[in-house]
All heavy atoms as atom14 arrays in JSON, in Angstrom:
{
  "sequence": "SVPGLHFLGAPAFHSFGPLCRFVSGTGFAARALTRRIAGS",
  "atom14_mask": [
    [1, 1, 1, 1, 1, 1, 0, 0, 0, 0, 0, 0, 0, 0],
    [1, 1, 1, 1, 1, 1, 1, 0, 0, 0, 0, 0, 0, 0],
    [1, 1, 1, 1, 1, 1, 1, 0, 0, 0, 0, 0, 0, 0],
    [1, 1, 1, 1, 0, 0, 0, 0, 0, 0, 0, 0, 0, 0],
    [1, 1, 1, 1, 1, 1, 1, 1, 0, 0, 0, 0, 0, 0],
    [1, 1, 1, 1, 1, 1, 1, 1, 1, 1, 0, 0, 0, 0],
    [1, 1, 1, 1, 1, 1, 1, 1, 1, 1, 1, 0, 0, 0],
    [1, 1, 1, 1, 1, 1, 1, 1, 0, 0, 0, 0, 0, 0],
    [1, 1, 1, 1, 0, 0, 0, 0, 0, 0, 0, 0, 0, 0],
    [1, 1, 1, 1, 1, 0, 0, 0, 0, 0, 0, 0, 0, 0],
    [1, 1, 1, 1, 1, 1, 1, 0, 0, 0, 0, 0, 0, 0],
    [1, 1, 1, 1, 1, 0, 0, 0, 0, 0, 0, 0, 0, 0],
    [1, 1, 1, 1, 1, 1, 1, 1, 1, 1, 1, 0, 0, 0],
    [1, 1, 1, 1, 1, 1, 1, 1, 1, 1, 0, 0, 0, 0],
    [1, 1, 1, 1, 1, 1, 0, 0, 0, 0, 0, 0, 0, 0],
    [1, 1, 1, 1, 1, 1, 1, 1, 1, 1, 1, 0, 0, 0],
    [1, 1, 1, 1, 0, 0, 0, 0, 0, 0, 0, 0, 0, 0],
    [1, 1, 1, 1, 1, 1, 1, 0, 0, 0, 0, 0, 0, 0],
    [1, 1, 1, 1, 1, 1, 1, 1, 0, 0, 0, 0, 0, 0],
    [1, 1, 1, 1, 1, 1, 0, 0, 0, 0, 0, 0, 0, 0],
    [1, 1, 1, 1, 1, 1, 1, 1, 1, 1, 1, 0, 0, 0],
    [1, 1, 1, 1, 1, 1, 1, 1, 1, 1, 1, 0, 0, 0],
    [1, 1, 1, 1, 1, 1, 1, 0, 0, 0, 0, 0, 0, 0],
    [1, 1, 1, 1, 1, 1, 0, 0, 0, 0, 0, 0, 0, 0],
    [1, 1, 1, 1, 0, 0, 0, 0, 0, 0, 0, 0, 0, 0],
    [1, 1, 1, 1, 1, 1, 1, 0, 0, 0, 0, 0, 0, 0],
    [1, 1, 1, 1, 0, 0, 0, 0, 0, 0, 0, 0, 0, 0],
    [1, 1, 1, 1, 1, 1, 1, 1, 1, 1, 1, 0, 0, 0],
    [1, 1, 1, 1, 1, 0, 0, 0, 0, 0, 0, 0, 0, 0],
    [1, 1, 1, 1, 1, 0, 0, 0, 0, 0, 0, 0, 0, 0],
    [1, 1, 1, 1, 1, 1, 1, 1, 1, 1, 1, 0, 0, 0],
    [1, 1, 1, 1, 1, 0, 0, 0, 0, 0, 0, 0, 0, 0],
    [1, 1, 1, 1, 1, 1, 1, 1, 0, 0, 0, 0, 0, 0],
    [1, 1, 1, 1, 1, 1, 1, 0, 0, 0, 0, 0, 0, 0],
    [1, 1, 1, 1, 1, 1, 1, 1, 1, 1, 1, 0, 0, 0],
    [1, 1, 1, 1, 1, 1, 1, 1, 1, 1, 1, 0, 0, 0],
    [1, 1, 1, 1, 1, 1, 1, 1, 0, 0, 0, 0, 0, 0],
    [1, 1, 1, 1, 1, 0, 0, 0, 0, 0, 0, 0, 0, 0],
    [1, 1, 1, 1, 0, 0, 0, 0, 0, 0, 0, 0, 0, 0],
    [1, 1, 1, 1, 1, 1, 0, 0, 0, 0, 0, 0, 0, 0]
  ],
  "atom14_positions": [
    [[0.8, -1.22, 0.0], [0.0, 0.0, 0.0], [0.83, 1.28, 0.0], [0.29, 2.36, -0.26], [-0.94, 0.02, 1.22], [-0.2, -0.09, 2.42], [0.0, 0.0, 0.0], [0.0, 0.0, 0.0], [0.0, 0.0, 0.0], [0.0, 0.0, 0.0], [0.0, 0.0, 0.0], [0.0, 0.0, 0.0], [0.0, 0.0, 0.0], [0.0, 0.0, 0.0]],
    [[2.14, 1.17, 0.3], [3.03, 2.34, 0.3], [4.23, 2.01, -0.59], [5.23, 1.46, -0.11], [3.5, 2.71, 1.72], [4.37, 3.97, 1.68], [2.32, 2.91, 2.65], [0.0, 0.0, 0.0], [0.0, 0.0, 0.0], [0.0, 0.0, 0.0], [0.0, 0.0, 0.0], [0.0, 0.0, 0.0], [0.0, 0.0, 0.0], [0.0, 0.0, 0.0]],
    [[4.17, 2.29, -1.87], [5.29, 1.98, -2.77], [6.58, 2.63, -2.29], [6.59, 3.78, -1.84], [4.83, 2.59, -4.11], [3.34, 2.62, -4.02], [3.03, 2.92, -2.58], [0.0, 0.0, 0.0], [0.0, 0.0, 0.0], [0.0, 0.0, 0.0], [0.0, 0.0, 0.0], [0.0, 0.0, 0.0], [0.0, 0.0, 0.0], [0.0, 0.0, 0.0]],
    [[7.66, 1.85, -2.35], [8.97, 2.37, -1.95], [9.32, 2.13, -0.5], [10.45, 2.41, -0.1], [0.0, 0.0, 0.0], [0.0, 0.0, 0.0], [0.0, 0.0, 0.0], [0.0, 0.0, 0.0], [0.0, 0.0, 0.0], [0.0, 0.0, 0.0], [0.0, 0.0, 0.0], [0.0, 0.0, 0.0], [0.0, 0.0, 0.0], [0.0, 0.0, 0.0]],
    [[8.38, 1.6, 0.28], [8.65, 1.31, 1.69], [8.79, -0.2, 1.85], [7.86, -0.95, 1.55], [7.52, 1.84, 2.57], [7.69, 1.66, 4.09], [8.92, 2.41, 4.6], [6.43, 2.12, 4.83], [0.0, 0.0, 0.0], [0.0, 0.0, 0.0], [0.0, 0.0, 0.0], [0.0, 0.0, 0.0], [0.0, 0.0, 0.0], [0.0, 0.0, 0.0]],
    [[9.95, -0.64, 2.33], [10.26, -2.07, 2.45], [10.49, -2.43, 3.91], [11.01, -1.63, 4.69], [11.52, -2.41, 1.64], [11.44, -2.04, 0.19], [11.24, -2.96, -0.81], [11.53, -0.81, -0.44], [11.21, -2.35, -1.98], [11.39, -1.05, -1.78], [0.0, 0.0, 0.0], [0.0, 0.0, 0.0], [0.0, 0.0, 0.0], [0.0, 0.0, 0.0]],
    [[10.16, -3.67, 4.26], [10.37, -4.17, 5.62], [11.14, -5.49, 5.54], [10.69, -6.45, 4.9], [9.04, -4.41, 6.33], [8.29, -3.16, 6.66], [7.44, -2.57, 5.72], [8.43, -2.55, 7.91], [6.75, -1.41, 6.02], [7.73, -1.39, 8.21], [6.89, -0.82, 7.27], [0.0, 0.0, 0.0], [0.0, 0.0, 0.0], [0.0, 0.0, 0.0]],
    [[12.29, -5.56, 6.23], [13.09, -6.77, 6.27], [13.05, -7.38, 7.66], [12.82, -6.69, 8.66], [14.54, -6.47, 5.89], [14.8, -5.72, 4.58], [16.3, -5.69, 4.28], [14.02, -6.33, 3.42], [0.0, 0.0, 0.0], [0.0, 0.0, 0.0], [0.0, 0.0, 0.0], [0.0, 0.0, 0.0], [0.0, 0.0, 0.0], [0.0, 0.0, 0.0]],
    [[13.33, -8.67, 7.74], [13.37, -9.34, 9.03], [12.0, -9.76, 9.5], [11.1, -10.04, 8.7], [0.0, 0.0, 0.0], [0.0, 0.0, 0.0], [0.0, 0.0, 0.0], [0.0, 0.0, 0.0], [0.0, 0.0, 0.0], [0.0, 0.0, 0.0], [0.0, 0.0, 0.0], [0.0, 0.0, 0.0], [0.0, 0.0, 0.0], [0.0, 0.0, 0.0]],
    [[11.81, -9.8, 10.82], [10.58, -10.33, 11.41], [9.29, -9.71, 10.87], [8.29, -10.43, 10.72], [10.65, -10.19, 12.93], [0.0, 0.0, 0.0], [0.0, 0.0, 0.0], [0.0, 0.0, 0.0], [0.0, 0.0, 0.0], [0.0, 0.0, 0.0], [0.0, 0.0, 0.0], [0.0, 0.0, 0.0], [0.0, 0.0, 0.0], [0.0, 0.0, 0.0]],
    [[9.22, -8.4, 10.56], [7.97, -7.87, 10.01], [7.54, -8.51, 8.7], [6.37, -8.39, 8.3], [8.28, -6.38, 9.83], [9.29, -6.09, 10.88], [10.17, -7.32, 10.89], [0.0, 0.0, 0.0], [0.0, 0.0, 0.0], [0.0, 0.0, 0.0], [0.0, 0.0, 0.0], [0.0, 0.0, 0.0], [0.0, 0.0, 0.0], [0.0, 0.0, 0.0]],
    [[8.45, -9.2, 8.0], [8.1, -9.86, 6.74], [7.55, -11.27, 6.97], [7.18, -11.96, 6.01], [9.32, -9.92, 5.83], [0.0, 0.0, 0.0], [0.0, 0.0, 0.0], [0.0, 0.0, 0.0], [0.0, 0.0, 0.0], [0.0, 0.0, 0.0], [0.0, 0.0, 0.0], [0.0, 0.0, 0.0], [0.0, 0.0, 0.0], [0.0, 0.0, 0.0]],
    [[7.49, -11.7, 8.21], [7.07, -13.07, 8.54], [5.69, -13.4, 7.99], [5.47, -14.47, 7.41], [7.08, -13.23, 10.07], [6.48, -14.52, 10.58], [7.23, -15.68, 10.66], [5.15, -14.57, 10.99], [6.68, -16.86, 11.13], [4.58, -15.73, 11.46], [5.36, -16.88, 11.54], [0.0, 0.0, 0.0], [0.0, 0.0, 0.0], [0.0, 0.0, 0.0]],
    [[4.72, -12.51, 8.15], [3.35, -12.79, 7.74], [3.25, -13.03, 6.24], [2.5, -13.9, 5.78], [2.42, -11.65, 8.15], [0.97, -11.91, 7.91], [0.36, -11.71, 6.69], [0.0, -12.39, 8.74], [-0.92, -12.03, 6.77], [-1.16, -12.45, 8.0], [0.0, 0.0, 0.0], [0.0, 0.0, 0.0], [0.0, 0.0, 0.0], [0.0, 0.0, 0.0]],
    [[4.02, -12.28, 5.46], [3.94, -12.39, 4.0], [4.86, -13.46, 3.42], [4.5, -14.11, 2.43], [4.29, -11.03, 3.36], [3.35, -10.05, 3.72], [0.0, 0.0, 0.0], [0.0, 0.0, 0.0], [0.0, 0.0, 0.0], [0.0, 0.0, 0.0], [0.0, 0.0, 0.0], [0.0, 0.0, 0.0], [0.0, 0.0, 0.0], [0.0, 0.0, 0.0]],
    [[6.03, -13.66, 4.03], [7.03, -14.55, 3.42], [7.47, -15.71, 4.3], [8.33, -16.49, 3.9], [8.24, -13.73, 2.98], [7.96, -12.85, 1.8], [7.58, -11.53, 1.96], [8.06, -13.35, 0.51], [7.31, -10.71, 0.88], [7.79, -12.54, -0.6], [7.41, -11.23, -0.41], [0.0, 0.0, 0.0], [0.0, 0.0, 0.0], [0.0, 0.0, 0.0]],
    [[6.94, -15.82, 5.5], [7.17, -17.01, 6.29], [8.3, -16.95, 7.29], [8.98, -15.94, 7.46], [0.0, 0.0, 0.0], [0.0, 0.0, 0.0], [0.0, 0.0, 0.0], [0.0, 0.0, 0.0], [0.0, 0.0, 0.0], [0.0, 0.0, 0.0], [0.0, 0.0, 0.0], [0.0, 0.0, 0.0], [0.0, 0.0, 0.0], [0.0, 0.0, 0.0]],
    [[8.52, -18.09, 7.98], [9.43, -18.18, 9.12], [10.88, -17.82, 8.84], [11.58, -17.38, 9.74], [9.32, -19.64, 9.56], [7.99, -20.09, 9.06], [7.78, -19.35, 7.77], [0.0, 0.0, 0.0], [0.0, 0.0, 0.0], [0.0, 0.0, 0.0], [0.0, 0.0, 0.0], [0.0, 0.0, 0.0], [0.0, 0.0, 0.0], [0.0, 0.0, 0.0]],
    [[11.35, -18.02, 7.6], [12.76, -17.75, 7.31], [13.14, -16.31, 7.65], [14.28, -16.04, 8.05], [13.07, -18.04, 5.84], [14.54, -17.95, 5.44], [15.37, -19.01, 6.15], [14.69, -18.08, 3.93], [0.0, 0.0, 0.0], [0.0, 0.0, 0.0], [0.0, 0.0, 0.0], [0.0, 0.0, 0.0], [0.0, 0.0, 0.0], [0.0, 0.0, 0.0]],
    [[12.18, -15.41, 7.55], [12.46, -13.99, 7.77], [12.75, -13.67, 9.23], [13.17, -12.55, 9.54], [11.28, -13.15, 7.28], [10.98, -13.32, 5.5], [0.0, 0.0, 0.0], [0.0, 0.0, 0.0], [0.0, 0.0, 0.0], [0.0, 0.0, 0.0], [0.0, 0.0, 0.0], [0.0, 0.0, 0.0], [0.0, 0.0, 0.0], [0.0, 0.0, 0.0]],
    [[12.53, -14.62, 10.12], [12.8, -14.38, 11.53], [14.21, -14.78, 11.93], [14.61, -14.61, 13.08], [11.8, -15.16, 12.39], [10.4, -14.62, 12.33], [9.41, -15.47, 13.09], [9.84, -15.75, 14.46], [9.13, -16.47, 15.33], [7.97, -16.99, 14.96], [9.58, -16.68, 16.54], [0.0, 0.0, 0.0], [0.0, 0.0, 0.0], [0.0, 0.0, 0.0]],
    [[14.99, -15.31, 10.98], [16.31, -15.85, 11.3], [17.39, -15.21, 10.45], [17.12, -14.72, 9.34], [16.31, -17.37, 11.1], [15.34, -18.1, 12.0], [14.01, -18.25, 11.63], [15.75, -18.6, 13.22], [13.11, -18.91, 12.46], [14.87, -19.26, 14.06], [13.55, -19.41, 13.68], [0.0, 0.0, 0.0], [0.0, 0.0, 0.0], [0.0, 0.0, 0.0]],
    [[18.62, -15.26, 10.95], [19.76, -14.7, 10.21], [19.89, -15.36, 8.84], [20.28, -14.71, 7.86], [21.06, -14.87, 11.02], [22.28, -14.44, 10.2], [20.99, -14.06, 12.31], [0.0, 0.0, 0.0], [0.0, 0.0, 0.0], [0.0, 0.0, 0.0], [0.0, 0.0, 0.0], [0.0, 0.0, 0.0], [0.0, 0.0, 0.0], [0.0, 0.0, 0.0]],
    [[19.56, -16.63, 8.74], [19.69, -17.34, 7.46], [18.74, -16.79, 6.39], [18.87, -17.15, 5.22], [19.46, -18.84, 7.65], [18.17, -19.09, 8.19], [0.0, 0.0, 0.0], [0.0, 0.0, 0.0], [0.0, 0.0, 0.0], [0.0, 0.0, 0.0], [0.0, 0.0, 0.0], [0.0, 0.0, 0.0], [0.0, 0.0, 0.0], [0.0, 0.0, 0.0]],
    [[17.81, -15.92, 6.78], [16.92, -15.3, 5.81], [17.49, -14.05, 5.16], [16.86, -13.48, 4.27], [0.0, 0.0, 0.0], [0.0, 0.0, 0.0], [0.0, 0.0, 0.0], [0.0, 0.0, 0.0], [0.0, 0.0, 0.0], [0.0, 0.0, 0.0], [0.0, 0.0, 0.0], [0.0, 0.0, 0.0], [0.0, 0.0, 0.0], [0.0, 0.0, 0.0]],
    [[18.68, -13.62, 5.58], [19.24, -12.38, 5.02], [19.51, -12.5, 3.52], [19.35, -11.53, 2.79], [20.55, -11.99, 5.73], [21.49, -13.07, 5.66], [20.29, -11.64, 7.2], [0.0, 0.0, 0.0], [0.0, 0.0, 0.0], [0.0, 0.0, 0.0], [0.0, 0.0, 0.0], [0.0, 0.0, 0.0], [0.0, 0.0, 0.0], [0.0, 0.0, 0.0]],
    [[19.89, -13.69, 3.07], [20.17, -13.86, 1.65], [18.94, -13.67, 0.79], [18.96, -12.93, -0.2], [0.0, 0.0, 0.0], [0.0, 0.0, 0.0], [0.0, 0.0, 0.0], [0.0, 0.0, 0.0], [0.0, 0.0, 0.0], [0.0, 0.0, 0.0], [0.0, 0.0, 0.0], [0.0, 0.0, 0.0], [0.0, 0.0, 0.0], [0.0, 0.0, 0.0]],
    [[17.84, -14.34, 1.17], [16.6, -14.17, 0.42], [16.17, -12.71, 0.41], [15.84, -12.14, -0.63], [15.49, -15.03, 1.01], [14.12, -14.54, 0.64], [13.64, -14.73, -0.65], [13.34, -13.83, 1.55], [12.38, -14.23, -1.02], [12.1, -13.33, 1.2], [11.62, -13.53, -0.09], [0.0, 0.0, 0.0], [0.0, 0.0, 0.0], [0.0, 0.0, 0.0]],
    [[16.13, -12.09, 1.58], [15.63, -10.72, 1.68], [16.47, -9.75, 0.87], [15.94, -8.9, 0.15], [15.6, -10.31, 3.16], [0.0, 0.0, 0.0], [0.0, 0.0, 0.0], [0.0, 0.0, 0.0], [0.0, 0.0, 0.0], [0.0, 0.0, 0.0], [0.0, 0.0, 0.0], [0.0, 0.0, 0.0], [0.0, 0.0, 0.0], [0.0, 0.0, 0.0]],
    [[17.79, -9.84, 0.99], [18.67, -8.9, 0.29], [18.58, -9.07, -1.22], [18.56, -8.08, -1.97], [20.11, -9.09, 0.76], [0.0, 0.0, 0.0], [0.0, 0.0, 0.0], [0.0, 0.0, 0.0], [0.0, 0.0, 0.0], [0.0, 0.0, 0.0], [0.0, 0.0, 0.0], [0.0, 0.0, 0.0], [0.0, 0.0, 0.0], [0.0, 0.0, 0.0]],
    [[18.51, -10.32, -1.7], [18.41, -10.54, -3.14], [17.06, -10.07, -3.69], [16.99, -9.46, -4.75], [18.66, -12.01, -3.47], [20.11, -12.45, -3.23], [20.37, -13.82, -3.82], [19.62, -14.86, -3.14], [20.05, -15.54, -2.08], [21.24, -15.24, -1.55], [19.32, -16.5, -1.55], [0.0, 0.0, 0.0], [0.0, 0.0, 0.0], [0.0, 0.0, 0.0]],
    [[15.98, -10.38, -2.94], [14.65, -9.96, -3.4], [14.54, -8.44, -3.44], [14.0, -7.86, -4.39], [13.58, -10.56, -2.47], [0.0, 0.0, 0.0], [0.0, 0.0, 0.0], [0.0, 0.0, 0.0], [0.0, 0.0, 0.0], [0.0, 0.0, 0.0], [0.0, 0.0, 0.0], [0.0, 0.0, 0.0], [0.0, 0.0, 0.0], [0.0, 0.0, 0.0]],
    [[15.06, -7.79, -2.43], [15.05, -6.33, -2.37], [15.84, -5.74, -3.54], [15.38, -4.81, -4.22], [15.65, -5.87, -1.05], [15.85, -4.37, -0.86], [14.51, -3.68, -0.67], [16.76, -4.1, 0.35], [0.0, 0.0, 0.0], [0.0, 0.0, 0.0], [0.0, 0.0, 0.0], [0.0, 0.0, 0.0], [0.0, 0.0, 0.0], [0.0, 0.0, 0.0]],
    [[17.02, -6.28, -3.78], [17.88, -5.76, -4.84], [17.25, -5.96, -6.21], [17.29, -5.07, -7.07], [19.26, -6.42, -4.78], [19.82, -6.22, -3.48], [20.2, -5.86, -5.83], [0.0, 0.0, 0.0], [0.0, 0.0, 0.0], [0.0, 0.0, 0.0], [0.0, 0.0, 0.0], [0.0, 0.0, 0.0], [0.0, 0.0, 0.0], [0.0, 0.0, 0.0]],
    [[16.65, -7.13, -6.45], [15.98, -7.36, -7.73], [14.86, -6.34, -7.94], [14.68, -5.82, -9.04], [15.41, -8.78, -7.78], [16.44, -9.88, -7.97], [15.77, -11.18, -8.4], [14.82, -11.66, -7.42], [15.11, -12.49, -6.4], [16.36, -12.89, -6.25], [14.18, -12.9, -5.58], [0.0, 0.0, 0.0], [0.0, 0.0, 0.0], [0.0, 0.0, 0.0]],
    [[14.1, -6.08, -6.89], [12.97, -5.15, -7.02], [13.47, -3.75, -7.34], [12.91, -3.07, -8.21], [12.18, -5.13, -5.71], [11.07, -4.09, -5.67], [9.95, -4.46, -6.63], [8.93, -3.44, -6.62], [8.88, -2.4, -7.45], [9.84, -2.26, -8.37], [7.9, -1.52, -7.39], [0.0, 0.0, 0.0], [0.0, 0.0, 0.0], [0.0, 0.0, 0.0]],
    [[14.51, -3.31, -6.67], [14.98, -1.94, -6.87], [15.77, -1.81, -8.17], [15.64, -0.82, -8.9], [15.82, -1.49, -5.67], [14.94, -1.45, -4.41], [16.46, -0.13, -5.91], [15.67, -1.11, -3.14], [0.0, 0.0, 0.0], [0.0, 0.0, 0.0], [0.0, 0.0, 0.0], [0.0, 0.0, 0.0], [0.0, 0.0, 0.0], [0.0, 0.0, 0.0]],
    [[16.56, -2.81, -8.48], [17.36, -2.76, -9.71], [16.49, -2.93, -10.94], [16.87, -2.51, -12.04], [18.44, -3.82, -9.67], [0.0, 0.0, 0.0], [0.0, 0.0, 0.0], [0.0, 0.0, 0.0], [0.0, 0.0, 0.0], [0.0, 0.0, 0.0], [0.0, 0.0, 0.0], [0.0, 0.0, 0.0], [0.0, 0.0, 0.0], [0.0, 0.0, 0.0]],
    [[15.33, -3.55, -10.77], [14.43, -3.72, -11.91], [14.81, -4.85, -12.83], [14.24, -5.01, -13.91], [0.0, 0.0, 0.0], [0.0, 0.0, 0.0], [0.0, 0.0, 0.0], [0.0, 0.0, 0.0], [0.0, 0.0, 0.0], [0.0, 0.0, 0.0], [0.0, 0.0, 0.0], [0.0, 0.0, 0.0], [0.0, 0.0, 0.0], [0.0, 0.0, 0.0]],
    [[15.8, -5.65, -12.42], [16.2, -6.81, -13.22], [16.66, -7.9, -12.29], [17.05, -7.65, -11.16], [17.32, -6.45, -14.2], [18.45, -6.0, -13.49], [0.0, 0.0, 0.0], [0.0, 0.0, 0.0], [0.0, 0.0, 0.0], [0.0, 0.0, 0.0], [0.0, 0.0, 0.0], [0.0, 0.0, 0.0], [0.0, 0.0, 0.0], [0.0, 0.0, 0.0]]
  ]
}
């Protein structure tokens, strides 16, 4: 609902699941964020 505002870590749990609550989720989050912003 607010384009350009991103949430990483535990707040992403509801949308993307348990991995976002752990350090091992940093790879998924960082790559997904970068793809979205880079546009490719």
